[in-house]
Amino acid sequence: MDQESFGNSAFWPTLLKNALGYDISVSKLLAYGPSLCLKLSKTLKNKFWSQVLSSVAELYNSLCFKHPEKLTNCSIWYNPFFKKGKKVLTPSDYPDLSNVVTYLGDFFYPLTTIFMSYTDFCDRYSDNIQEENFIEVSYVIKLALQVLGFPQHKLDEAVYPIRPHPIEIANLSKKGCSSYAKLLRYKDTLQNNMVPREEKWHLELGCTYSNIFWEKTRKFYTRILNENSTKWLQFQIVRNSLQTNKIVHHFRPHVTPLCSFCLMSDETVSHLFWYCPKTVTFLRSVFDMVNSTGLMYSPSRNTFLFGSNDTPIYSPLNYLTLHLKRFIWSSKFKTCTLLDNKLHYLTNNLDGWHTLGRGS
C-alpha cells in the first residue's frame, strides 16, 4: 500500500471526511503525529471512525517502541514524544518551521543522523526561519530522545522520500491482524513489565540505555546452555531483581542493607559486582592474571554487568565474565573472602576457559 492509495478522492478518506463533517487534508492525517488522530476521534459521534482513529494513534506509538530506529520518519507535529512542557508541538505554534519540515529526519543532514546547524538548515529549506524557533524545537527533540533512551546514532538515516508511519503500519500485514495485535502487545509488555526495571538500572547507573540495548541483552543470555544456575543469575542481574542485601532487608529486618564484603555501602547489584572495594581488588588481580597470558581482558562496567553481546556468549571473555559473577555471588554466602578463594576457584572451575570459543 502506498501514499497514493490514500489520495483525497479515494473511497475511505471520503467516508472519513463525511464522518468528520468537514474537509481535512488526507496528507495531513498521514504526515502528522498520533495526537491529531486522538483529537479528531474525540470529536466524532460515529463510534466506528472514532475507534479507527484512536487505534491508529495506538499503533503509531507502538511502532516507535517496537522499532525506535524508525523515529527518523515520525512527525514532530502532534506527536506525544515531542512536547514543550505538557503540550505537543503543533504547526500553528511554529508556522515558519511547519511550512518546510514535518519529520524528525528533516532536521538531519541527508543520509546521516546528525542535526543540521541553523545556517545549513536555512540554506536547505528557507531563509525565513526564526533562529529561536529552530533552537527551541531542536532542543525539544534532543531532550525527547534522551528521555526515551533512543540513542541518536542508532536511528535510521534521513533518506528521501520519507515514508510516513501510517503507511508503515498499513503495510505491516497483507492479510489478517496478528501483526497489529503483536505490535500493541509489545508496547503493553514493555511499559508494564520491563520499563520500570530498566528505569531502576538507569537510576542506579546514572545513565540511560536504549530499549534496543535491553532487548539485545535479554536475548543474549537465552543462548546460555546447560548451565541453568549461571543463566538464572544473569537473568536476575539484567532484570535488577537479584536478592541483594538492599532488597532482602525490606522483608527480613535482621539483614543489613550493607554490602556483605565491605560493609560500607548498600549492597546493590552494581556495587556488589563492580564498585565494592574488595570486588575491585579481586577483579584487578584476575584481570592482571588474564592479561599476563596474552589475552587482553579489561571490561567496562557495562560489559562486565551485561556482557558483550557483539561476541558469542561462549567466547572466552564472555564465559570468564559469567563465571566471575557467579563466583562473586557464591562467595557472598561463604565465610572466607574473595581473595582467599580466588586461585582455587580459577584453577578448578575455569580450567580451559581461555581456549573455549576461541575463533568463534
Protein backbone atom coordinates (compact mmCIF):
# COMPACT_ATOMS: atom_id res chain seq x y z
CA MET A 1 0.00 0.00 0.00
CA ASP A 2 1.42 3.42 -0.91
CA GLN A 3 0.55 7.01 -0.15
CA GLU A 4 -1.37 7.41 -3.40
CA SER A 5 -3.90 4.86 -2.14
CA PHE A 6 -4.93 7.47 0.43
CA GLY A 7 -5.48 10.24 -2.08
CA ASN A 8 -8.11 12.89 -1.35
CA SER A 9 -10.56 11.32 -3.83
CA ALA A 10 -10.11 7.76 -2.53
CA PHE A 11 -13.10 5.90 -1.07
CA TRP A 12 -12.09 5.57 2.62
CA PRO A 13 -10.79 9.15 3.06
CA THR A 14 -14.05 10.42 1.57
CA LEU A 15 -16.04 8.44 4.13
CA LEU A 16 -13.87 9.79 6.93
CA LYS A 17 -14.37 13.37 5.77
CA ASN A 18 -18.11 12.81 5.70
CA ALA A 19 -17.99 11.41 9.24
CA LEU A 20 -15.99 14.39 10.47
CA GLY A 21 -18.39 16.80 8.87
CA TYR A 22 -15.67 18.98 7.39
CA ASP A 23 -12.91 18.70 4.85
CA ILE A 24 -9.46 17.66 6.05
CA SER A 25 -6.36 17.01 4.04
CA VAL A 26 -5.51 13.32 3.94
CA SER A 27 -1.86 14.25 3.55
CA LYS A 28 -2.03 15.95 6.96
CA LEU A 29 -3.55 12.87 8.59
CA LEU A 30 -0.69 10.83 7.17
CA ALA A 31 2.06 13.31 7.95
CA TYR A 32 1.10 14.47 11.43
CA GLY A 33 1.50 12.52 14.66
CA PRO A 34 -0.97 10.39 16.64
CA SER A 35 -2.20 13.22 18.87
CA LEU A 36 -4.08 14.63 15.89
CA CYS A 37 -5.88 11.30 15.40
CA LEU A 38 -6.79 11.23 19.09
CA LYS A 39 -8.01 14.81 18.94
CA LEU A 40 -10.22 14.06 15.93
CA SER A 41 -11.52 10.80 17.44
CA LYS A 42 -12.93 12.73 20.40
CA THR A 43 -14.95 14.98 18.10
CA LEU A 44 -16.63 12.12 16.25
CA LYS A 45 -20.07 10.85 17.11
CA ASN A 46 -19.56 7.94 14.74
CA LYS A 47 -18.12 5.26 17.06
CA PHE A 48 -16.60 3.29 14.19
CA TRP A 49 -14.44 6.15 12.96
CA SER A 50 -13.67 7.29 16.48
CA GLN A 51 -12.29 3.83 17.25
CA VAL A 52 -10.38 3.68 13.95
CA LEU A 53 -8.56 6.92 14.66
CA SER A 54 -7.77 6.07 18.29
CA SER A 55 -6.46 2.65 17.17
CA VAL A 56 -4.24 4.27 14.56
CA ALA A 57 -2.81 6.51 17.29
CA GLU A 58 -2.05 3.48 19.49
CA LEU A 59 -0.38 1.65 16.62
CA TYR A 60 1.63 4.75 15.77
CA ASN A 61 3.06 4.92 19.30
CA SER A 62 3.64 1.18 19.45
CA LEU A 63 5.59 1.22 16.20
CA CYS A 64 8.10 3.63 17.74
CA PHE A 65 8.52 1.42 20.82
CA LYS A 66 8.99 -1.71 18.73
CA HIS A 67 11.21 -0.05 16.12
CA PRO A 68 12.75 3.09 17.69
CA GLU A 69 15.09 3.42 14.73
CA LYS A 70 12.04 4.47 12.70
CA LEU A 71 11.67 7.64 14.77
CA THR A 72 13.55 9.34 11.95
CA ASN A 73 10.37 9.06 9.88
CA CYS A 74 7.94 10.15 12.58
CA SER A 75 6.26 13.55 12.59
CA ILE A 76 7.37 16.18 15.08
CA TRP A 77 3.89 17.78 14.93
CA TYR A 78 1.08 16.40 17.11
CA ASN A 79 3.46 13.79 18.49
CA PRO A 80 3.32 12.94 22.24
CA PHE A 81 7.04 12.11 22.13
CA PHE A 82 7.90 15.73 21.44
CA LYS A 83 6.41 18.13 23.97
CA LYS A 84 7.15 21.64 25.14
CA GLY A 85 6.17 21.33 28.76
CA LYS A 86 2.98 19.28 28.62
CA LYS A 87 1.86 20.45 25.19
CA VAL A 88 2.64 18.71 21.92
CA LEU A 89 4.22 20.75 19.16
CA THR A 90 1.69 21.95 16.57
CA PRO A 91 2.18 23.62 13.17
CA SER A 92 0.37 26.74 14.36
CA ASP A 93 3.00 27.20 17.11
CA TYR A 94 5.84 27.30 14.60
CA PRO A 95 4.41 28.33 11.21
CA ASP A 96 7.84 29.20 9.80
CA LEU A 97 9.06 25.64 10.52
CA SER A 98 5.85 23.73 9.73
CA ASN A 99 5.81 25.23 6.24
CA VAL A 100 9.09 23.49 5.38
CA VAL A 101 9.58 20.46 7.70
CA THR A 102 7.39 17.69 9.09
CA TYR A 103 9.54 14.74 10.15
CA LEU A 104 12.38 14.29 12.61
CA GLY A 105 14.64 13.30 9.72
CA ASP A 106 14.12 16.75 8.20
CA PHE A 107 16.43 18.11 10.89
CA PHE A 108 19.25 15.74 9.90
CA TYR A 109 21.85 16.18 7.24
CA PRO A 110 20.84 13.85 4.36
CA LEU A 111 21.96 10.23 4.80
CA THR A 112 23.01 10.89 8.42
CA THR A 113 21.52 11.13 11.90
CA ILE A 114 23.37 14.38 12.65
CA PHE A 115 21.38 17.53 13.38
CA MET A 116 21.92 20.36 10.92
CA SER A 117 23.21 23.70 12.10
CA TYR A 118 20.87 26.66 11.89
CA THR A 119 22.79 28.09 8.92
CA ASP A 120 22.71 24.83 6.96
CA PHE A 121 19.05 24.32 7.88
CA CYS A 122 18.15 27.73 6.42
CA ASP A 123 20.26 27.08 3.33
CA ARG A 124 18.40 23.83 2.76
CA TYR A 125 14.85 24.97 3.46
CA SER A 126 14.21 28.69 3.85
CA ASP A 127 15.75 31.98 4.96
CA ASN A 128 12.53 32.92 6.76
CA ILE A 129 13.02 30.55 9.72
CA GLN A 130 13.43 32.24 13.08
CA GLU A 131 16.55 31.09 14.87
CA GLU A 132 14.84 30.94 18.29
CA ASN A 133 12.16 28.62 16.89
CA PHE A 134 14.78 26.37 15.32
CA ILE A 135 16.76 26.19 18.57
CA GLU A 136 13.64 25.58 20.65
CA VAL A 137 12.26 22.73 18.51
CA SER A 138 15.73 21.15 18.16
CA TYR A 139 16.09 21.21 21.95
CA VAL A 140 12.65 19.61 22.44
CA ILE A 141 13.60 16.81 20.01
CA LYS A 142 17.02 16.14 21.55
CA LEU A 143 15.57 16.13 25.06
CA ALA A 144 12.85 13.69 23.98
CA LEU A 145 15.42 11.29 22.51
CA GLN A 146 17.38 11.45 25.75
CA VAL A 147 14.34 10.84 27.97
CA LEU A 148 13.10 8.00 25.77
CA GLY A 149 16.53 6.41 25.78
CA PHE A 150 16.73 6.25 21.99
CA PRO A 151 20.39 6.82 21.00
CA GLN A 152 20.59 9.20 18.07
CA HIS A 153 23.30 7.25 16.26
CA LYS A 154 21.02 4.18 16.07
CA LEU A 155 18.19 5.98 14.31
CA ASP A 156 17.62 5.37 10.63
CA GLU A 157 19.50 7.77 8.40
CA ALA A 158 17.48 10.52 6.76
CA VAL A 159 16.59 9.12 3.34
CA TYR A 160 14.09 10.74 1.00
CA PRO A 161 11.30 10.42 0.19
CA ILE A 162 10.23 9.74 3.76
CA ARG A 163 7.57 7.10 4.30
CA PRO A 164 5.01 8.27 6.92
CA HIS A 165 4.35 5.97 9.85
CA PRO A 166 0.68 5.33 8.97
CA ILE A 167 1.92 3.91 5.66
CA GLU A 168 4.42 1.73 7.56
CA ILE A 169 1.57 0.47 9.74
CA ALA A 170 -0.72 -0.19 6.78
CA ASN A 171 2.00 -2.36 5.23
CA LEU A 172 2.67 -4.44 8.34
CA SER A 173 0.48 -7.26 7.08
CA LYS A 174 -1.16 -8.12 3.78
CA LYS A 175 -3.61 -10.47 5.47
CA GLY A 176 -5.08 -10.71 8.96
CA CYS A 177 -4.45 -8.56 12.01
CA SER A 178 -1.95 -10.62 14.04
CA SER A 179 0.88 -8.20 13.22
CA TYR A 180 -1.09 -5.31 14.67
CA ALA A 181 -2.04 -7.28 17.78
CA LYS A 182 1.63 -8.19 18.37
CA LEU A 183 2.64 -4.58 17.95
CA LEU A 184 0.15 -3.41 20.58
CA ARG A 185 1.10 -6.23 22.96
CA TYR A 186 4.77 -5.33 22.63
CA LYS A 187 4.18 -1.81 23.91
CA ASP A 188 1.97 -3.05 26.76
CA THR A 189 4.58 -5.62 27.83
CA LEU A 190 7.35 -3.08 27.56
CA GLN A 191 5.53 -0.49 29.63
CA ASN A 192 4.00 -2.79 32.23
CA ASN A 193 6.91 -5.12 32.93
CA MET A 194 10.30 -4.14 31.60
CA VAL A 195 10.42 -0.35 31.60
CA PRO A 196 10.22 0.01 35.41
CA ARG A 197 13.07 -2.49 35.78
CA GLU A 198 15.14 -0.71 33.16
CA GLU A 199 14.48 2.59 34.91
CA LYS A 200 15.85 1.06 38.12
CA TRP A 201 19.07 0.37 36.28
CA HIS A 202 19.14 3.87 34.77
CA LEU A 203 18.85 5.38 38.25
CA GLU A 204 21.43 3.03 39.73
CA LEU A 205 24.00 3.53 36.97
CA GLY A 206 23.29 7.21 36.36
CA CYS A 207 22.82 6.80 32.62
CA THR A 208 20.15 5.76 30.13
CA TYR A 209 20.30 2.84 27.71
CA SER A 210 18.00 2.37 24.75
CA ASN A 211 15.30 -0.28 24.62
CA ILE A 212 17.29 -1.79 21.70
CA PHE A 213 20.17 -2.36 24.13
CA TRP A 214 17.89 -4.01 26.69
CA GLU A 215 16.21 -6.20 24.11
CA LYS A 216 19.56 -7.41 22.75
CA THR A 217 20.83 -8.03 26.28
CA ARG A 218 17.80 -10.11 27.25
CA LYS A 219 18.07 -12.21 24.09
CA PHE A 220 21.81 -12.61 24.56
CA TYR A 221 21.51 -14.70 27.73
CA THR A 222 18.92 -17.04 26.29
CA ARG A 223 21.90 -18.61 24.48
CA ILE A 224 23.41 -19.99 27.71
CA LEU A 225 23.01 -23.76 27.54
CA ASN A 226 23.31 -26.49 30.21
CA GLU A 227 24.25 -24.00 32.95
CA ASN A 228 20.94 -23.11 34.49
CA SER A 229 22.33 -21.60 37.67
CA THR A 230 24.57 -19.25 35.68
CA LYS A 231 21.72 -18.40 33.31
CA TRP A 232 19.35 -17.71 36.21
CA LEU A 233 21.90 -15.47 37.93
CA GLN A 234 22.43 -13.39 34.82
CA PHE A 235 18.69 -13.21 34.19
CA GLN A 236 18.21 -11.67 37.64
CA ILE A 237 21.11 -9.25 37.11
CA VAL A 238 19.63 -7.96 33.85
CA ARG A 239 16.22 -7.54 35.50
CA ASN A 240 17.88 -5.92 38.52
CA SER A 241 15.91 -8.29 40.73
CA LEU A 242 18.81 -10.18 42.33
CA GLN A 243 18.22 -10.69 46.06
CA THR A 244 20.98 -8.41 47.31
CA ASN A 245 21.03 -7.19 50.91
CA LYS A 246 19.41 -3.91 49.92
CA ILE A 247 16.36 -5.84 48.68
CA VAL A 248 16.32 -8.59 51.30
CA HIS A 249 16.43 -6.25 54.30
CA HIS A 250 12.98 -4.89 53.34
CA PHE A 251 11.33 -8.22 54.23
CA ARG A 252 13.96 -9.55 56.65
CA PRO A 253 14.66 -6.72 59.13
CA HIS A 254 17.59 -8.58 60.74
CA VAL A 255 19.51 -8.42 57.43
CA THR A 256 21.58 -5.29 56.99
CA PRO A 257 21.31 -3.49 53.62
CA LEU A 258 25.10 -3.04 53.61
CA CYS A 259 27.43 -4.94 51.32
CA SER A 260 28.43 -8.37 52.65
CA PHE A 261 32.05 -7.75 51.67
CA CYS A 262 32.90 -4.16 52.60
CA LEU A 263 30.03 -3.22 54.98
CA MET A 264 30.38 0.37 53.79
CA SER A 265 27.67 0.89 51.15
CA ASP A 266 24.24 -0.51 50.31
CA GLU A 267 24.54 -3.81 48.50
CA THR A 268 23.10 -3.11 45.06
CA VAL A 269 23.86 -5.29 42.05
CA SER A 270 26.31 -2.77 40.61
CA HIS A 271 28.04 -2.28 43.95
CA LEU A 272 28.41 -5.98 44.67
CA PHE A 273 29.76 -6.92 41.24
CA TRP A 274 31.73 -3.80 40.35
CA TYR A 275 32.10 -0.97 42.88
CA CYS A 276 32.79 -2.78 46.17
CA PRO A 277 36.46 -2.15 47.14
CA LYS A 278 37.06 -5.85 47.80
CA THR A 279 35.47 -6.79 44.49
CA VAL A 280 37.64 -4.20 42.76
CA THR A 281 40.80 -5.69 44.30
CA PHE A 282 39.72 -9.18 43.32
CA LEU A 283 38.84 -8.25 39.74
CA ARG A 284 42.09 -6.33 39.24
CA SER A 285 44.02 -9.42 40.28
CA VAL A 286 42.04 -11.54 37.82
CA PHE A 287 42.44 -9.00 35.01
CA ASP A 288 46.20 -8.87 35.58
CA MET A 289 46.46 -12.65 35.62
CA VAL A 290 44.45 -13.00 32.39
CA ASN A 291 46.37 -10.23 30.64
CA SER A 292 49.62 -11.98 31.53
CA THR A 293 48.51 -14.87 29.29
CA GLY A 294 48.41 -12.52 26.28
CA LEU A 295 44.63 -12.33 26.07
CA MET A 296 43.53 -8.74 26.80
CA TYR A 297 40.76 -8.55 29.36
CA SER A 298 39.72 -5.15 30.73
CA PRO A 299 35.92 -4.99 30.55
CA SER A 300 34.00 -1.81 31.28
CA ARG A 301 31.34 -1.74 33.98
CA ASN A 302 28.62 -2.13 31.35
CA THR A 303 30.36 -5.06 29.67
CA PHE A 304 31.03 -6.82 32.96
CA LEU A 305 27.45 -6.49 34.21
CA PHE A 306 25.62 -7.22 30.97
CA GLY A 307 28.17 -8.95 28.74
CA SER A 308 29.47 -8.14 25.29
CA ASN A 309 26.53 -9.05 23.02
CA ASP A 310 28.63 -8.32 19.92
CA THR A 311 30.55 -11.55 20.51
CA PRO A 312 29.28 -15.12 21.11
CA ILE A 313 28.05 -15.94 24.59
CA TYR A 314 30.70 -18.67 24.89
CA SER A 315 33.59 -16.57 23.67
CA PRO A 316 36.48 -16.74 26.18
CA LEU A 317 35.91 -13.32 27.72
CA ASN A 318 32.12 -13.62 27.98
CA TYR A 319 32.48 -17.06 29.50
CA LEU A 320 35.01 -15.82 32.05
CA THR A 321 32.83 -12.82 32.93
CA LEU A 322 29.82 -15.05 33.54
CA HIS A 323 31.70 -17.29 35.93
CA LEU A 324 33.41 -14.45 37.74
CA LYS A 325 29.99 -13.04 38.58
CA ARG A 326 28.82 -16.46 39.67
CA PHE A 327 31.89 -16.76 41.91
CA ILE A 328 31.36 -13.31 43.45
CA TRP A 329 27.75 -14.17 44.18
CA SER A 330 28.53 -17.54 45.75
CA SER A 331 31.37 -16.02 47.83
CA LYS A 332 28.86 -13.65 49.41
CA PHE A 333 27.38 -16.61 51.31
CA LYS A 334 30.70 -18.07 52.50
CA THR A 335 32.80 -17.12 55.49
CA CYS A 336 36.09 -16.98 53.57
CA THR A 337 36.91 -13.95 51.46
CA LEU A 338 37.04 -13.46 47.74
CA LEU A 339 40.83 -13.31 47.66
CA ASP A 340 41.14 -16.50 49.74
CA ASN A 341 39.02 -18.34 47.18
CA LYS A 342 40.36 -16.73 44.03
CA LEU A 343 43.16 -19.06 42.94
CA HIS A 344 41.34 -22.22 43.96
CA TYR A 345 38.25 -21.13 42.03
CA LEU A 346 40.09 -20.14 38.88
CA THR A 347 42.13 -23.34 38.92
CA ASN A 348 39.23 -25.72 39.46
CA ASN A 349 36.27 -24.03 37.80
CA LEU A 350 37.69 -22.09 34.87
CA ASP A 351 40.19 -24.62 33.60
CA GLY A 352 40.35 -24.26 29.84
CA TRP A 353 38.26 -21.05 29.66
CA HIS A 354 40.98 -19.35 27.63
CA THR A 355 40.58 -21.85 24.79
CA LEU A 356 36.78 -22.15 24.94
CA GLY A 357 35.17 -20.45 22.00
CA ARG A 358 38.43 -19.18 20.54
CA GLY A 359 37.82 -18.31 16.93
CA SER A 360 34.05 -18.15 17.47
